[in-house]
Amino acid sequence: MNDAFFKKIENKTGVKMDQLFELANAFQHADFNDEQTVKKLVRQVASAAGKPITKDMEEKIAKTVTAKGEKIDYQTLSNMINKK
């Protein structure tokens, strides 16, 4: 991949590539049955997206994700945060 490609992604998302790689790694190795892990991911996504998140919303998202017990991707979590 080249720098121009990464710059396009950064410009479109507003998130630096190192943050995206860090998030991707966190999602890849996360235990989605552990509520504390999911809450941490929610905070990381909210921070990367520049969106404040309330404790209540964090709790609701974590409960939804852990109830399913399935992996969830960055985009789905970002959409949940933006719905608030």
C-alpha atoms as a PDB file:
ATOM      1  CA  MET A   1       0.000   0.000   0.000  1.00  0.00           C
ATOM      2  CA  ASN A   2       1.169   3.509  -0.549  1.00  0.00           C
ATOM      3  CA  ASP A   3       1.080   6.754   1.367  1.00  0.00           C
ATOM      4  CA  ALA A   4      -1.491   8.321  -0.988  1.00  0.00           C
ATOM      5  CA  PHE A   5      -3.928   5.511  -0.213  1.00  0.00           C
ATOM      6  CA  PHE A   6      -3.483   5.997   3.545  1.00  0.00           C
ATOM      7  CA  LYS A   7      -3.855   9.767   3.194  1.00  0.00           C
ATOM      8  CA  LYS A   8      -7.171   9.278   1.386  1.00  0.00           C
ATOM      9  CA  ILE A   9      -8.429   7.073   4.205  1.00  0.00           C
ATOM     10  CA  GLU A  10      -7.257   9.559   6.830  1.00  0.00           C
ATOM     11  CA  ASN A  11      -8.899  12.457   4.992  1.00  0.00           C
ATOM     12  CA  LYS A  12     -12.168  10.588   4.555  1.00  0.00           C
ATOM     13  CA  THR A  13     -12.429   9.221   8.102  1.00  0.00           C
ATOM     14  CA  GLY A  14     -10.581  11.895  10.043  1.00  0.00           C
ATOM     15  CA  VAL A  15      -8.745   9.105  11.841  1.00  0.00           C
ATOM     16  CA  LYS A  16      -4.973   8.629  11.594  1.00  0.00           C
ATOM     17  CA  MET A  17      -3.815   5.328  10.139  1.00  0.00           C
ATOM     18  CA  ASP A  18      -1.874   4.370  13.256  1.00  0.00           C
ATOM     19  CA  GLN A  19      -5.126   4.691  15.240  1.00  0.00           C
ATOM     20  CA  LEU A  20      -6.973   2.576  12.678  1.00  0.00           C
ATOM     21  CA  PHE A  21      -4.317  -0.139  12.811  1.00  0.00           C
ATOM     22  CA  GLU A  22      -4.395  -0.054  16.610  1.00  0.00           C
ATOM     23  CA  LEU A  23      -8.190  -0.389  16.580  1.00  0.00           C
ATOM     24  CA  ALA A  24      -8.088  -3.162  13.999  1.00  0.00           C
ATOM     25  CA  ASN A  25      -5.635  -5.083  16.153  1.00  0.00           C
ATOM     26  CA  ALA A  26      -7.773  -4.524  19.259  1.00  0.00           C
ATOM     27  CA  PHE A  27     -10.885  -5.797  17.457  1.00  0.00           C
ATOM     28  CA  GLN A  28      -9.053  -8.804  16.065  1.00  0.00           C
ATOM     29  CA  HIS A  29      -7.925  -9.995  19.492  1.00  0.00           C
ATOM     30  CA  ALA A  30     -10.897  -8.886  21.600  1.00  0.00           C
ATOM     31  CA  ASP A  31     -13.064 -11.153  23.717  1.00  0.00           C
ATOM     32  CA  PHE A  32     -16.551  -9.955  22.814  1.00  0.00           C
ATOM     33  CA  ASN A  33     -18.052 -11.906  25.698  1.00  0.00           C
ATOM     34  CA  ASP A  34     -16.190  -9.714  28.197  1.00  0.00           C
ATOM     35  CA  GLU A  35     -18.166  -6.559  28.945  1.00  0.00           C
ATOM     36  CA  GLN A  36     -15.125  -4.591  30.165  1.00  0.00           C
ATOM     37  CA  THR A  37     -13.248  -5.348  26.939  1.00  0.00           C
ATOM     38  CA  VAL A  38     -16.208  -4.229  24.862  1.00  0.00           C
ATOM     39  CA  LYS A  39     -16.552  -1.008  26.882  1.00  0.00           C
ATOM     40  CA  LYS A  40     -12.871  -0.279  26.275  1.00  0.00           C
ATOM     41  CA  LEU A  41     -13.351  -0.778  22.525  1.00  0.00           C
ATOM     42  CA  VAL A  42     -16.397   1.489  22.573  1.00  0.00           C
ATOM     43  CA  ARG A  43     -14.362   4.235  24.246  1.00  0.00           C
ATOM     44  CA  GLN A  44     -11.515   3.765  21.745  1.00  0.00           C
ATOM     45  CA  VAL A  45     -13.844   4.023  18.754  1.00  0.00           C
ATOM     46  CA  ALA A  46     -15.613   7.060  20.199  1.00  0.00           C
ATOM     47  CA  SER A  47     -12.288   8.739  20.845  1.00  0.00           C
ATOM     48  CA  ALA A  48     -10.955   7.962  17.372  1.00  0.00           C
ATOM     49  CA  ALA A  49     -14.167   9.256  15.814  1.00  0.00           C
ATOM     50  CA  GLY A  50     -14.080  12.395  17.961  1.00  0.00           C
ATOM     51  CA  LYS A  51     -17.537  11.629  19.347  1.00  0.00           C
ATOM     52  CA  PRO A  52     -18.276  11.951  23.043  1.00  0.00           C
ATOM     53  CA  ILE A  53     -20.089   8.976  24.535  1.00  0.00           C
ATOM     54  CA  THR A  54     -22.078   8.817  27.737  1.00  0.00           C
ATOM     55  CA  LYS A  55     -21.623   6.042  30.278  1.00  0.00           C
ATOM     56  CA  ASP A  56     -25.228   5.050  29.609  1.00  0.00           C
ATOM     57  CA  MET A  57     -24.628   4.655  25.873  1.00  0.00           C
ATOM     58  CA  GLU A  58     -21.368   2.799  26.529  1.00  0.00           C
ATOM     59  CA  GLU A  59     -23.257   0.425  28.831  1.00  0.00           C
ATOM     60  CA  LYS A  60     -26.058  -0.174  26.303  1.00  0.00           C
ATOM     61  CA  ILE A  61     -23.640  -0.905  23.481  1.00  0.00           C
ATOM     62  CA  ALA A  62     -21.560  -3.245  25.661  1.00  0.00           C
ATOM     63  CA  LYS A  63     -24.656  -5.159  26.766  1.00  0.00           C
ATOM     64  CA  THR A  64     -25.887  -5.475  23.175  1.00  0.00           C
ATOM     65  CA  VAL A  65     -22.543  -6.766  21.942  1.00  0.00           C
ATOM     66  CA  THR A  66     -21.923  -9.173  24.831  1.00  0.00           C
ATOM     67  CA  ALA A  67     -25.463 -10.555  24.580  1.00  0.00           C
ATOM     68  CA  LYS A  68     -24.765 -11.597  20.995  1.00  0.00           C
ATOM     69  CA  GLY A  69     -21.313 -12.945  21.854  1.00  0.00           C
ATOM     70  CA  GLU A  70     -20.221 -12.470  18.254  1.00  0.00           C
ATOM     71  CA  LYS A  71     -17.386 -10.455  16.810  1.00  0.00           C
ATOM     72  CA  ILE A  72     -18.303  -6.960  15.761  1.00  0.00           C
ATOM     73  CA  ASP A  73     -16.430  -4.686  13.394  1.00  0.00           C
ATOM     74  CA  TYR A  74     -15.353  -1.067  13.705  1.00  0.00           C
ATOM     75  CA  GLN A  75     -18.050   0.200  11.320  1.00  0.00           C
ATOM     76  CA  THR A  76     -20.901  -1.474  13.219  1.00  0.00           C
ATOM     77  CA  LEU A  77     -19.635  -0.105  16.531  1.00  0.00           C
ATOM     78  CA  SER A  78     -19.131   3.336  15.001  1.00  0.00           C
ATOM     79  CA  ASN A  79     -22.703   3.274  13.680  1.00  0.00           C
ATOM     80  CA  MET A  80     -24.007   2.359  17.148  1.00  0.00           C
ATOM     81  CA  ILE A  81     -22.122   5.309  18.655  1.00  0.00           C
ATOM     82  CA  ASN A  82     -23.360   7.722  16.001  1.00  0.00           C
ATOM     83  CA  LYS A  83     -26.990   6.651  16.503  1.00  0.00           C
ATOM     84  CA  LYS A  84     -27.124   8.025  20.038  1.00  0.00           C
END
